[in-house]
Structures are given as structure tokens and as C-alpha cells.
Amino acid sequence: MADEFSFEITEKIGVLSTTKGGWALELNKVSWGGRPAKYDLRSWAPDHVKMGKGVTLTEEELKELGKIIQAL
């Protein structure tokens, strides 16, 4: 039997964009399966029940991404 999928948005950081359908590309801190929260960038349905594919980053990875973006 598969384990139940669980997540909790522990901190809402910001919305990058929103589609006409209401889905929003968001940066949040999310705890997946009860593990410590990490930074997470993905699209979310308005009710935050459905989500699109995304990327999850540690604090160190997010800082490195920030450096790369600043260098553009």
C-alpha cells in the first residue's frame, strides 16, 4: 500500500504570476511528507489543493540561484 501524499505550505513568500484560470506561480516554503520545509517554486490552483510540477530548493541552493540571477 502506498504512503499517503502529504504537504504543508509553512510560509507563503510571493506570487510571480497568475493565469486567467487563477493558477499562480508561487515561491513558498513547503514541508513534503512531514520533512523540514524547503523553498518551493511551482504553480498552484487557487485552492492550493492541486499543483503543477515545480522545483524544491534548500536555503543554500536558493542563495546560489539568487547570485546567478543577480549576475544576469
N, C-alpha and C. Protein backbone atom coordinates (compact mmCIF):
# COMPACT_ATOMS: atom_id res chain seq x y z
N MET A 1 0.85 -1.18 0.00
CA MET A 1 0.00 0.00 0.00
C MET A 1 0.89 1.24 0.00
N ALA A 2 0.61 2.18 -0.87
CA ALA A 2 1.42 3.39 -0.98
C ALA A 2 1.17 4.33 0.19
N ASP A 3 2.23 5.03 0.60
CA ASP A 3 2.08 6.02 1.65
C ASP A 3 1.22 7.17 1.16
N GLU A 4 0.50 7.79 2.06
CA GLU A 4 -0.33 8.92 1.71
C GLU A 4 0.55 10.14 1.43
N PHE A 5 0.24 10.82 0.34
CA PHE A 5 0.98 12.01 -0.07
C PHE A 5 0.55 13.17 0.83
N SER A 6 1.51 13.86 1.42
CA SER A 6 1.14 15.00 2.27
C SER A 6 2.12 16.15 2.06
N PHE A 7 1.57 17.34 2.23
CA PHE A 7 2.40 18.55 2.15
C PHE A 7 1.74 19.62 2.99
N GLU A 8 2.55 20.59 3.41
CA GLU A 8 2.04 21.74 4.15
C GLU A 8 2.83 22.97 3.71
N ILE A 9 2.12 24.00 3.25
CA ILE A 9 2.77 25.26 2.96
C ILE A 9 2.98 25.95 4.29
N THR A 10 4.23 26.06 4.71
CA THR A 10 4.52 26.63 6.03
C THR A 10 4.74 28.14 5.98
N GLU A 11 5.09 28.65 4.78
CA GLU A 11 5.29 30.09 4.62
C GLU A 11 5.04 30.47 3.17
N LYS A 12 4.15 31.43 2.96
CA LYS A 12 3.90 31.96 1.61
C LYS A 12 4.83 33.15 1.42
N ILE A 13 5.70 33.07 0.41
CA ILE A 13 6.71 34.11 0.20
C ILE A 13 6.29 35.10 -0.87
N GLY A 14 5.80 34.60 -2.03
CA GLY A 14 5.40 35.54 -3.07
C GLY A 14 4.83 34.86 -4.30
N VAL A 15 4.08 35.65 -5.08
CA VAL A 15 3.48 35.19 -6.33
C VAL A 15 4.22 35.87 -7.48
N LEU A 16 4.72 35.07 -8.43
CA LEU A 16 5.42 35.61 -9.59
C LEU A 16 4.46 35.97 -10.71
N SER A 17 3.41 35.18 -10.91
CA SER A 17 2.41 35.44 -11.95
C SER A 17 1.16 34.62 -11.66
N THR A 18 0.06 35.02 -12.32
CA THR A 18 -1.21 34.32 -12.19
C THR A 18 -1.84 34.19 -13.57
N THR A 19 -2.37 33.00 -13.88
CA THR A 19 -3.02 32.77 -15.17
C THR A 19 -4.47 33.23 -15.12
N LYS A 20 -5.11 33.28 -16.29
CA LYS A 20 -6.54 33.64 -16.36
C LYS A 20 -7.39 32.66 -15.57
N GLY A 21 -6.95 31.41 -15.50
CA GLY A 21 -7.67 30.38 -14.76
C GLY A 21 -7.47 30.45 -13.26
N GLY A 22 -6.63 31.37 -12.80
CA GLY A 22 -6.41 31.54 -11.37
C GLY A 22 -5.21 30.80 -10.80
N TRP A 23 -4.56 29.96 -11.61
CA TRP A 23 -3.37 29.28 -11.13
C TRP A 23 -2.26 30.30 -10.95
N ALA A 24 -1.49 30.16 -9.87
CA ALA A 24 -0.44 31.12 -9.56
C ALA A 24 0.91 30.42 -9.44
N LEU A 25 1.93 31.03 -10.05
CA LEU A 25 3.31 30.57 -9.89
C LEU A 25 3.81 31.22 -8.61
N GLU A 26 4.09 30.40 -7.60
CA GLU A 26 4.40 30.90 -6.27
C GLU A 26 5.74 30.38 -5.75
N LEU A 27 6.38 31.20 -4.93
CA LEU A 27 7.53 30.77 -4.14
C LEU A 27 7.05 30.65 -2.71
N ASN A 28 7.14 29.44 -2.16
CA ASN A 28 6.69 29.17 -0.80
C ASN A 28 7.71 28.30 -0.10
N LYS A 29 7.57 28.17 1.21
CA LYS A 29 8.30 27.13 1.95
C LYS A 29 7.28 26.03 2.18
N VAL A 30 7.65 24.80 1.77
CA VAL A 30 6.73 23.67 1.83
C VAL A 30 7.40 22.50 2.52
N SER A 31 6.65 21.87 3.41
CA SER A 31 7.08 20.64 4.06
C SER A 31 6.42 19.49 3.31
N TRP A 32 7.23 18.60 2.75
CA TRP A 32 6.73 17.44 2.00
C TRP A 32 6.86 16.20 2.87
N GLY A 33 5.75 15.51 3.10
CA GLY A 33 5.77 14.26 3.88
C GLY A 33 6.26 14.44 5.30
N GLY A 34 6.03 15.61 5.89
CA GLY A 34 6.43 15.84 7.26
C GLY A 34 7.90 16.19 7.45
N ARG A 35 8.64 16.28 6.36
CA ARG A 35 10.07 16.64 6.44
C ARG A 35 10.22 18.14 6.65
N PRO A 36 11.41 18.60 7.03
CA PRO A 36 11.62 20.05 7.19
C PRO A 36 11.29 20.80 5.89
N ALA A 37 10.71 21.97 6.03
CA ALA A 37 10.28 22.77 4.88
C ALA A 37 11.48 23.24 4.06
N LYS A 38 11.27 23.27 2.73
CA LYS A 38 12.26 23.78 1.79
C LYS A 38 11.57 24.82 0.92
N TYR A 39 12.38 25.59 0.21
CA TYR A 39 11.83 26.58 -0.72
C TYR A 39 11.29 25.84 -1.93
N ASP A 40 10.13 26.26 -2.41
CA ASP A 40 9.45 25.54 -3.46
C ASP A 40 8.85 26.52 -4.46
N LEU A 41 9.15 26.33 -5.74
CA LEU A 41 8.63 27.19 -6.81
C LEU A 41 7.80 26.32 -7.74
N ARG A 42 6.47 26.58 -7.79
CA ARG A 42 5.58 25.81 -8.65
C ARG A 42 4.26 26.53 -8.82
N SER A 43 3.45 26.04 -9.78
CA SER A 43 2.12 26.58 -9.99
C SER A 43 1.13 25.88 -9.06
N TRP A 44 0.22 26.67 -8.50
CA TRP A 44 -0.80 26.16 -7.59
C TRP A 44 -2.18 26.59 -8.07
N ALA A 45 -3.15 25.70 -7.90
CA ALA A 45 -4.54 26.04 -8.15
C ALA A 45 -4.96 27.06 -7.10
N PRO A 46 -6.04 27.82 -7.37
CA PRO A 46 -6.47 28.83 -6.40
C PRO A 46 -6.72 28.29 -4.99
N ASP A 47 -7.18 27.04 -4.88
CA ASP A 47 -7.47 26.47 -3.55
C ASP A 47 -6.27 25.75 -2.93
N HIS A 48 -5.14 25.73 -3.62
CA HIS A 48 -3.91 25.07 -3.18
C HIS A 48 -4.07 23.57 -2.93
N VAL A 49 -5.06 22.96 -3.58
CA VAL A 49 -5.23 21.51 -3.49
C VAL A 49 -4.50 20.83 -4.64
N LYS A 50 -4.54 21.43 -5.82
CA LYS A 50 -3.82 20.90 -6.98
C LYS A 50 -2.59 21.75 -7.23
N MET A 51 -1.56 21.08 -7.81
CA MET A 51 -0.31 21.78 -8.08
C MET A 51 0.29 21.27 -9.37
N GLY A 52 1.13 22.09 -9.98
CA GLY A 52 1.88 21.68 -11.16
C GLY A 52 3.25 21.20 -10.74
N LYS A 53 4.03 20.81 -11.74
CA LYS A 53 5.41 20.41 -11.46
C LYS A 53 6.20 21.64 -11.01
N GLY A 54 7.19 21.40 -10.18
CA GLY A 54 7.97 22.51 -9.68
C GLY A 54 9.36 22.08 -9.29
N VAL A 55 10.03 22.96 -8.60
CA VAL A 55 11.39 22.70 -8.12
C VAL A 55 11.46 23.07 -6.65
N THR A 56 12.14 22.21 -5.89
CA THR A 56 12.31 22.43 -4.45
C THR A 56 13.79 22.65 -4.18
N LEU A 57 14.09 23.70 -3.41
CA LEU A 57 15.48 24.10 -3.16
C LEU A 57 15.76 24.23 -1.67
N THR A 58 16.97 23.88 -1.28
CA THR A 58 17.43 24.17 0.07
C THR A 58 17.72 25.67 0.16
N GLU A 59 17.95 26.17 1.35
CA GLU A 59 18.29 27.59 1.50
C GLU A 59 19.58 27.93 0.76
N GLU A 60 20.56 27.03 0.83
CA GLU A 60 21.83 27.25 0.14
C GLU A 60 21.64 27.31 -1.38
N GLU A 61 20.82 26.41 -1.92
CA GLU A 61 20.55 26.40 -3.36
C GLU A 61 19.82 27.67 -3.79
N LEU A 62 18.88 28.13 -2.97
CA LEU A 62 18.16 29.37 -3.28
C LEU A 62 19.11 30.57 -3.30
N LYS A 63 20.05 30.62 -2.37
CA LYS A 63 21.04 31.70 -2.34
C LYS A 63 21.91 31.67 -3.59
N GLU A 64 22.33 30.49 -4.02
CA GLU A 64 23.14 30.36 -5.23
C GLU A 64 22.34 30.80 -6.45
N LEU A 65 21.08 30.43 -6.51
CA LEU A 65 20.22 30.86 -7.61
C LEU A 65 20.10 32.38 -7.62
N GLY A 66 19.97 32.99 -6.45
CA GLY A 66 19.91 34.44 -6.36
C GLY A 66 21.18 35.09 -6.90
N LYS A 67 22.34 34.51 -6.61
CA LYS A 67 23.61 35.04 -7.13
C LYS A 67 23.65 34.96 -8.65
N ILE A 68 23.19 33.84 -9.19
CA ILE A 68 23.17 33.67 -10.65
C ILE A 68 22.24 34.70 -11.28
N ILE A 69 21.08 34.91 -10.71
CA ILE A 69 20.13 35.87 -11.25
C ILE A 69 20.70 37.28 -11.17
N GLN A 70 21.35 37.63 -10.08
CA GLN A 70 21.94 38.96 -9.92
C GLN A 70 23.02 39.22 -10.96
N ALA A 71 23.69 38.16 -11.41
CA ALA A 71 24.77 38.31 -12.38
C ALA A 71 24.26 38.51 -13.82
N LEU A 72 22.97 38.34 -14.04
CA LEU A 72 22.41 38.50 -15.41
C LEU A 72 22.44 39.95 -15.85
